[in-house]
Amino acid sequence: MKKVPVEKAVGMILCHDITRIIPGEFKGRAFKKGHIIQKEDVEKLLELGKEKIYIWEPKGGEVHEDEAALSIARAVVEKNIEYDVPKEGKSTLKSKERGLFKINSTLLYQINSIKDISIASLPQNFVVERGQKLAGVRIIPMTTKEENLIQIEELCQGKEKVFEIIRYKELRAAIITTGNEIYKKRIQDKFGPVIRKKLEYFKAQYIGQTFCPDNIEEIKEKILYYN
């Protein structure tokens, strides 16, 4: 940790939170510990009375939280998942496709067992939309040892990734409604519209609906007809 003038701190990493107080209006964090000082931050820091600040001096073999989050994100995703630029040390993973969210639970457990590493995600087999948030990856402290990230990369070198999106297949689909009460029009079919709506969501090619009595041979015949 080293104390430097704010004008010389651009590109350096803040070692502590900095609070902004506006009497009667606001009291809260203006800059978070671990923030990388930008050129536009200098004037704001001076306005807060911070002419000098404490910055982090990197040691050999240590990685800052933003760089670490990117390294973890790159290691755990596959082609149907994207990740954003880290904010406050966390990178968010998002789906690039509609589909089923799959998790390699064993691999995820191994990674979360590595010191400093934290990955939180949606549950297994979750139905997701394009652009939906899937997980957040980060390290707990401001820095971590490079060897921890190398360990993650080695775990993820195989064919399987930690997270995967299985895209929906656009299949042909028919509805075969059974039951004498519906076939003989004693009651109205109310299941067909509901099922068709579900098929639309999955972009299935709807090819028709057939009504059958409670007769095994007739039901079999209709199934084979649509097959």
Protein backbone atom coordinates (compact mmCIF):
# COMPACT_ATOMS: atom_id res chain seq x y z
CA MET A 1 0.00 0.00 0.00
CA LYS A 2 1.35 3.41 -0.98
CA LYS A 3 0.07 6.99 -0.61
CA VAL A 4 0.19 9.03 -3.83
CA PRO A 5 -1.24 12.33 -5.16
CA VAL A 6 -4.52 11.71 -7.00
CA GLU A 7 -3.13 13.27 -10.19
CA LYS A 8 -0.53 10.50 -10.30
CA ALA A 9 -2.95 7.72 -9.34
CA VAL A 10 -4.60 7.22 -12.76
CA GLY A 11 -4.49 3.53 -13.66
CA MET A 12 -3.73 2.53 -10.08
CA ILE A 13 -5.96 0.50 -7.77
CA LEU A 14 -7.71 2.09 -4.79
CA CYS A 15 -6.97 0.37 -1.48
CA HIS A 16 -10.03 1.54 0.45
CA ASP A 17 -13.60 2.78 0.08
CA ILE A 18 -14.12 6.54 -0.26
CA THR A 19 -17.32 8.02 1.11
CA ARG A 20 -19.32 10.96 -0.23
CA ILE A 21 -21.42 12.97 2.24
CA ILE A 22 -23.93 15.63 1.23
CA PRO A 23 -25.59 16.85 4.46
CA GLY A 24 -29.28 16.07 4.50
CA GLU A 25 -29.16 14.43 1.05
CA PHE A 26 -26.69 11.59 0.69
CA LYS A 27 -24.17 9.52 2.56
CA GLY A 28 -22.64 6.54 0.84
CA ARG A 29 -19.77 5.03 -1.08
CA ALA A 30 -18.39 7.16 -3.92
CA PHE A 31 -15.51 4.84 -4.82
CA LYS A 32 -15.17 1.16 -3.97
CA LYS A 33 -12.06 -0.54 -2.71
CA GLY A 34 -10.38 -2.13 -5.73
CA HIS A 35 -11.59 0.58 -8.17
CA ILE A 36 -9.08 1.39 -10.91
CA ILE A 37 -8.62 5.17 -10.92
CA GLN A 38 -9.64 6.79 -14.22
CA LYS A 39 -8.66 10.23 -15.54
CA GLU A 40 -12.21 11.52 -15.00
CA ASP A 41 -12.07 10.40 -11.34
CA VAL A 42 -9.33 12.88 -10.42
CA GLU A 43 -11.58 15.96 -10.23
CA LYS A 44 -14.25 14.02 -8.30
CA LEU A 45 -11.68 12.87 -5.75
CA LEU A 46 -10.37 16.40 -5.32
CA GLU A 47 -13.94 17.60 -4.73
CA LEU A 48 -14.15 15.01 -1.94
CA GLY A 49 -11.03 16.49 -0.35
CA LYS A 50 -8.82 13.58 -1.40
CA GLU A 51 -5.61 15.15 -2.65
CA LYS A 52 -3.72 11.96 -1.81
CA ILE A 53 -5.03 8.41 -1.72
CA TYR A 54 -3.74 4.97 -0.81
CA ILE A 55 -3.23 2.68 -3.79
CA TRP A 56 -2.46 -1.02 -4.03
CA GLU A 57 1.02 -2.02 -5.11
CA PRO A 58 0.78 -5.34 -6.96
CA LYS A 59 3.04 -8.13 -5.76
CA GLY A 60 4.48 -10.77 -8.02
CA GLY A 61 2.03 -13.56 -8.79
CA GLU A 62 -1.07 -11.65 -7.66
CA VAL A 63 -4.03 -10.73 -9.90
CA HIS A 64 -6.52 -7.87 -9.41
CA GLU A 65 -10.22 -8.76 -8.97
CA ASP A 66 -11.32 -7.39 -12.38
CA GLU A 67 -8.68 -9.31 -14.30
CA ALA A 68 -9.40 -12.40 -12.21
CA ALA A 69 -13.15 -12.20 -12.97
CA LEU A 70 -12.41 -12.07 -16.71
CA SER A 71 -10.07 -15.05 -16.45
CA ILE A 72 -12.70 -17.12 -14.62
CA ALA A 73 -15.47 -16.11 -17.06
CA ARG A 74 -13.41 -17.09 -20.11
CA ALA A 75 -12.66 -20.48 -18.57
CA VAL A 76 -16.21 -21.53 -17.63
CA VAL A 77 -18.34 -20.52 -20.65
CA GLU A 78 -19.08 -22.12 -24.03
CA LYS A 79 -20.08 -20.55 -27.36
CA ASN A 80 -23.73 -19.88 -26.42
CA ILE A 81 -22.80 -17.85 -23.34
CA GLU A 82 -21.22 -14.39 -23.19
CA TYR A 83 -19.68 -12.40 -20.34
CA ASP A 84 -19.42 -8.67 -19.70
CA VAL A 85 -16.64 -6.36 -18.56
CA PRO A 86 -16.29 -6.72 -14.77
CA LYS A 87 -18.01 -4.15 -12.57
CA GLU A 88 -16.79 -3.86 -9.00
CA GLY A 89 -14.89 -7.11 -9.44
CA LYS A 90 -17.77 -9.19 -10.83
CA SER A 91 -18.37 -10.43 -14.38
CA THR A 92 -21.92 -11.43 -15.32
CA LEU A 93 -22.58 -14.35 -17.69
CA LYS A 94 -25.55 -14.07 -20.07
CA SER A 95 -27.24 -16.43 -22.50
CA LYS A 96 -26.82 -15.80 -26.22
CA GLU A 97 -29.60 -18.26 -27.07
CA ARG A 98 -33.01 -19.47 -25.88
CA GLY A 99 -32.70 -22.90 -24.36
CA LEU A 100 -31.97 -25.08 -21.35
CA PHE A 101 -29.28 -24.03 -18.87
CA LYS A 102 -27.00 -26.94 -17.98
CA ILE A 103 -24.38 -27.06 -15.24
CA ASN A 104 -21.48 -29.43 -14.75
CA SER A 105 -22.09 -29.59 -10.99
CA THR A 106 -18.94 -31.56 -10.20
CA LEU A 107 -16.73 -29.10 -12.05
CA LEU A 108 -18.51 -26.10 -10.50
CA TYR A 109 -17.98 -27.55 -7.02
CA GLN A 110 -14.28 -28.08 -7.72
CA ILE A 111 -13.86 -24.47 -8.88
CA ASN A 112 -15.80 -22.99 -5.96
CA SER A 113 -13.56 -25.02 -3.64
CA ILE A 114 -10.48 -23.13 -4.85
CA LYS A 115 -9.36 -20.39 -2.46
CA ASP A 116 -10.87 -16.90 -3.08
CA ILE A 117 -13.14 -18.06 -5.95
CA SER A 118 -16.91 -17.49 -6.00
CA ILE A 119 -19.38 -18.47 -8.74
CA ALA A 120 -23.15 -18.17 -8.18
CA SER A 121 -25.63 -19.24 -10.86
CA LEU A 122 -29.20 -20.11 -11.75
CA PRO A 123 -30.19 -23.72 -10.92
CA GLN A 124 -29.67 -26.73 -13.18
CA ASN A 125 -32.10 -27.25 -16.11
CA PHE A 126 -33.44 -23.68 -15.94
CA VAL A 127 -35.28 -22.46 -19.06
CA VAL A 128 -33.59 -19.24 -20.21
CA GLU A 129 -34.16 -16.52 -22.80
CA ARG A 130 -31.61 -14.75 -24.98
CA GLY A 131 -29.83 -12.08 -22.92
CA GLN A 132 -30.86 -13.55 -19.56
CA LYS A 133 -28.37 -13.43 -16.69
CA LEU A 134 -27.05 -16.88 -15.83
CA ALA A 135 -24.27 -16.44 -13.29
CA GLY A 136 -21.85 -14.07 -11.61
CA VAL A 137 -18.14 -14.83 -11.22
CA ARG A 138 -15.68 -13.08 -8.93
CA ILE A 139 -12.98 -13.44 -6.31
CA ILE A 140 -13.75 -12.56 -2.69
CA PRO A 141 -10.67 -10.45 -1.82
CA MET A 142 -9.30 -7.63 -3.95
CA THR A 143 -6.53 -9.86 -5.32
CA THR A 144 -5.82 -13.54 -5.66
CA LYS A 145 -2.78 -15.61 -6.48
CA GLU A 146 -2.28 -16.34 -10.16
CA GLU A 147 -1.93 -20.04 -9.37
CA ASN A 148 -5.62 -20.14 -8.34
CA LEU A 149 -6.67 -18.95 -11.80
CA ILE A 150 -4.29 -21.36 -13.50
CA GLN A 151 -5.93 -24.16 -11.54
CA ILE A 152 -9.34 -23.13 -12.93
CA GLU A 153 -8.01 -23.05 -16.49
CA GLU A 154 -6.57 -26.55 -16.07
CA LEU A 155 -9.89 -27.88 -14.73
CA CYS A 156 -11.76 -26.41 -17.72
CA GLN A 157 -9.40 -27.62 -20.45
CA GLY A 158 -11.54 -30.67 -21.24
CA LYS A 159 -14.44 -30.85 -23.67
CA GLU A 160 -17.05 -30.03 -21.02
CA LYS A 161 -17.52 -26.49 -19.74
CA VAL A 162 -19.00 -25.53 -16.39
CA PHE A 163 -22.02 -23.87 -18.03
CA GLU A 164 -23.80 -24.69 -21.27
CA ILE A 165 -26.95 -23.63 -23.11
CA ILE A 166 -28.72 -26.38 -25.05
CA ARG A 167 -30.67 -24.67 -27.81
CA TYR A 168 -34.23 -25.72 -28.53
CA LYS A 169 -34.69 -27.84 -31.66
CA GLU A 170 -37.52 -26.71 -33.90
CA LEU A 171 -39.41 -30.01 -34.24
CA ARG A 172 -42.69 -31.00 -35.89
CA ALA A 173 -45.50 -31.57 -33.39
CA ALA A 174 -49.07 -32.86 -33.51
CA ILE A 175 -51.74 -33.15 -30.83
CA ILE A 176 -53.68 -36.39 -30.40
CA THR A 177 -56.54 -35.89 -27.96
CA THR A 178 -58.11 -39.05 -26.56
CA GLY A 179 -61.32 -39.67 -24.64
CA ASN A 180 -64.85 -40.66 -25.71
CA GLU A 181 -66.34 -37.62 -23.99
CA ILE A 182 -64.34 -35.25 -26.24
CA TYR A 183 -64.43 -37.45 -29.37
CA LYS A 184 -68.24 -37.61 -29.20
CA LYS A 185 -68.35 -33.87 -28.43
CA ARG A 186 -70.04 -34.27 -25.07
CA ILE A 187 -67.54 -31.76 -23.67
CA GLN A 188 -65.37 -29.14 -25.30
CA ASP A 189 -61.65 -29.70 -25.79
CA LYS A 190 -59.78 -27.13 -23.72
CA PHE A 191 -56.34 -28.72 -23.77
CA GLY A 192 -55.61 -28.14 -27.46
CA PRO A 193 -55.29 -24.33 -27.27
CA VAL A 194 -53.08 -24.58 -24.18
CA ILE A 195 -50.73 -27.08 -25.81
CA ARG A 196 -50.59 -25.09 -29.06
CA LYS A 197 -49.50 -22.03 -27.09
CA LYS A 198 -46.69 -24.03 -25.50
CA LEU A 199 -45.62 -25.31 -28.91
CA GLU A 200 -45.50 -21.75 -30.23
CA TYR A 201 -43.12 -20.79 -27.43
CA PHE A 202 -40.72 -23.54 -28.50
CA LYS A 203 -41.16 -22.58 -32.20
CA ALA A 204 -42.37 -26.09 -33.05
CA GLN A 205 -43.95 -26.73 -36.45
CA TYR A 206 -47.57 -27.48 -35.55
CA ILE A 207 -49.01 -30.01 -38.03
CA GLY A 208 -52.48 -30.62 -36.66
CA GLN A 209 -54.77 -32.03 -33.98
CA THR A 210 -56.75 -35.27 -34.09
CA PHE A 211 -59.43 -36.58 -31.73
CA CYS A 212 -59.64 -40.30 -30.92
CA PRO A 213 -62.01 -42.47 -28.87
CA ASP A 214 -60.66 -44.66 -26.09
CA ASN A 215 -59.50 -47.29 -28.54
CA ILE A 216 -55.87 -48.41 -28.51
CA GLU A 217 -55.75 -49.36 -32.20
CA GLU A 218 -57.19 -46.02 -33.35
CA ILE A 219 -54.78 -44.10 -31.12
CA LYS A 220 -51.87 -46.14 -32.49
CA GLU A 221 -53.04 -45.48 -36.06
CA LYS A 222 -53.11 -41.70 -35.50
CA ILE A 223 -49.67 -41.70 -33.88
CA LEU A 224 -48.22 -43.58 -36.85
CA TYR A 225 -50.00 -41.21 -39.24
CA TYR A 226 -48.13 -38.22 -37.83
CA ASN A 227 -44.85 -40.06 -37.41
